[in-house]
Amino acid sequence: MAAVARQGPIYTRIMHKLTAALRPVSINLKDESHLHAGHKESPGLPETHFNLEVVSEVFEGMPLVQRQRKIYSILSEELQDRVHALSMKTKAPSELSSS
């Protein structure tokens, strides 16, 4: 699990949804909103830009595009509401040695 250090409600909701749906072997979610402060496209709010790295058996045999679609589906509410950007790396456990 990712280290917990006073994370906001969007972070908490994303982690809860992904953990419940993917039962990850490992998951790391970082709020990178501070890196985009002052950008024209950035609304200036916290919890708008995230970086996700997740390893899950759910991804075994699943093409990359399907993995991304699955995550977008799980987080559809957050992506429509508040989250402006989500970068992600998705792997199956069998792919860990080939990273």
Protein backbone atom coordinates (compact mmCIF):
# COMPACT_ATOMS: atom_id res chain seq x y z
CA MET A 1 0.00 0.00 0.00
CA ALA A 2 1.04 3.57 -0.51
CA ALA A 3 2.28 5.53 2.47
CA VAL A 4 -0.48 7.52 4.10
CA ALA A 5 0.44 11.10 4.92
CA ARG A 6 -2.63 13.30 5.36
CA GLN A 7 -4.14 12.53 1.99
CA GLY A 8 -7.24 14.34 0.82
CA PRO A 9 -10.72 12.99 0.14
CA ILE A 10 -10.19 12.45 -3.61
CA TYR A 11 -6.98 10.48 -2.99
CA THR A 12 -8.76 8.41 -0.35
CA ARG A 13 -11.73 7.71 -2.64
CA ILE A 14 -9.46 6.71 -5.54
CA MET A 15 -7.44 4.36 -3.34
CA HIS A 16 -10.58 2.79 -1.90
CA LYS A 17 -12.15 2.19 -5.32
CA LEU A 18 -8.98 0.80 -6.92
CA THR A 19 -8.19 -1.44 -3.96
CA ALA A 20 -11.72 -2.86 -3.90
CA ALA A 21 -11.91 -3.45 -7.65
CA LEU A 22 -8.37 -4.60 -8.43
CA ARG A 23 -7.19 -6.27 -5.20
CA PRO A 24 -3.68 -5.04 -6.07
CA VAL A 25 -0.44 -6.78 -5.22
CA SER A 26 0.98 -3.26 -4.98
CA ILE A 27 -0.38 0.21 -5.56
CA ASN A 28 1.25 3.62 -5.43
CA LEU A 29 -0.79 6.76 -5.96
CA LYS A 30 0.82 10.19 -5.88
CA ASP A 31 -0.96 13.53 -5.89
CA GLU A 32 1.12 15.65 -8.26
CA SER A 33 -1.24 18.62 -8.36
CA HIS A 34 1.38 20.90 -6.82
CA LEU A 35 3.55 20.38 -9.92
CA HIS A 36 0.85 21.98 -12.06
CA ALA A 37 0.02 24.99 -9.89
CA GLY A 38 -0.10 28.14 -11.98
CA HIS A 39 -0.51 26.32 -15.30
CA LYS A 40 -3.13 27.85 -17.55
CA GLU A 41 -5.14 24.60 -17.70
CA SER A 42 -4.85 23.91 -13.98
CA PRO A 43 -7.87 25.02 -11.95
CA GLY A 44 -5.62 25.79 -8.96
CA LEU A 45 -7.32 23.19 -6.80
CA PRO A 46 -5.61 20.39 -4.90
CA GLU A 47 -6.09 16.76 -5.94
CA THR A 48 -6.43 17.30 -9.69
CA HIS A 49 -3.34 15.52 -11.06
CA PHE A 50 -2.37 11.99 -10.05
CA ASN A 51 0.26 9.42 -10.95
CA LEU A 52 -0.71 5.77 -10.45
CA GLU A 53 1.39 2.62 -10.46
CA VAL A 54 -0.56 -0.57 -9.84
CA VAL A 55 0.17 -4.29 -10.05
CA SER A 56 -2.83 -6.61 -10.08
CA GLU A 57 -3.63 -10.17 -11.10
CA VAL A 58 -6.73 -8.71 -12.75
CA PHE A 59 -4.38 -7.45 -15.48
CA GLU A 60 -3.02 -10.91 -16.41
CA GLY A 61 -3.48 -11.42 -20.15
CA MET A 62 -5.17 -8.04 -20.52
CA PRO A 63 -3.86 -5.61 -23.18
CA LEU A 64 -2.64 -2.21 -21.98
CA VAL A 65 -5.57 -0.31 -23.49
CA GLN A 66 -8.05 -2.60 -21.70
CA ARG A 67 -6.24 -2.04 -18.41
CA GLN A 68 -6.47 1.71 -18.83
CA ARG A 69 -10.14 1.50 -19.77
CA LYS A 70 -10.81 -0.58 -16.66
CA ILE A 71 -9.20 2.05 -14.45
CA TYR A 72 -11.04 4.87 -16.24
CA SER A 73 -14.28 2.96 -15.68
CA ILE A 74 -13.56 2.44 -11.97
CA LEU A 75 -12.73 6.12 -11.54
CA SER A 76 -15.29 7.57 -13.96
CA GLU A 77 -16.93 9.74 -11.28
CA GLU A 78 -13.62 11.24 -10.14
CA LEU A 79 -12.45 11.86 -13.70
CA GLN A 80 -15.67 13.69 -14.59
CA ASP A 81 -15.81 15.64 -11.34
CA ARG A 82 -12.41 16.78 -10.12
CA VAL A 83 -9.44 14.86 -11.52
CA HIS A 84 -7.93 16.65 -14.51
CA ALA A 85 -5.09 14.21 -15.26
CA LEU A 86 -4.24 10.62 -14.36
CA SER A 87 -1.01 9.08 -15.58
CA MET A 88 -0.67 5.37 -14.96
CA LYS A 89 1.54 2.33 -15.18
CA THR A 90 -0.32 -0.95 -14.96
CA LYS A 91 1.26 -4.38 -14.66
CA ALA A 92 0.35 -7.96 -13.96
CA PRO A 93 2.50 -9.77 -11.36
CA SER A 94 4.08 -11.88 -14.11
CA GLU A 95 5.44 -8.69 -15.72
CA LEU A 96 7.38 -7.49 -12.69
CA SER A 97 10.61 -9.26 -13.57
CA SER A 98 10.52 -7.76 -17.07
CA SER A 99 10.42 -4.12 -15.95
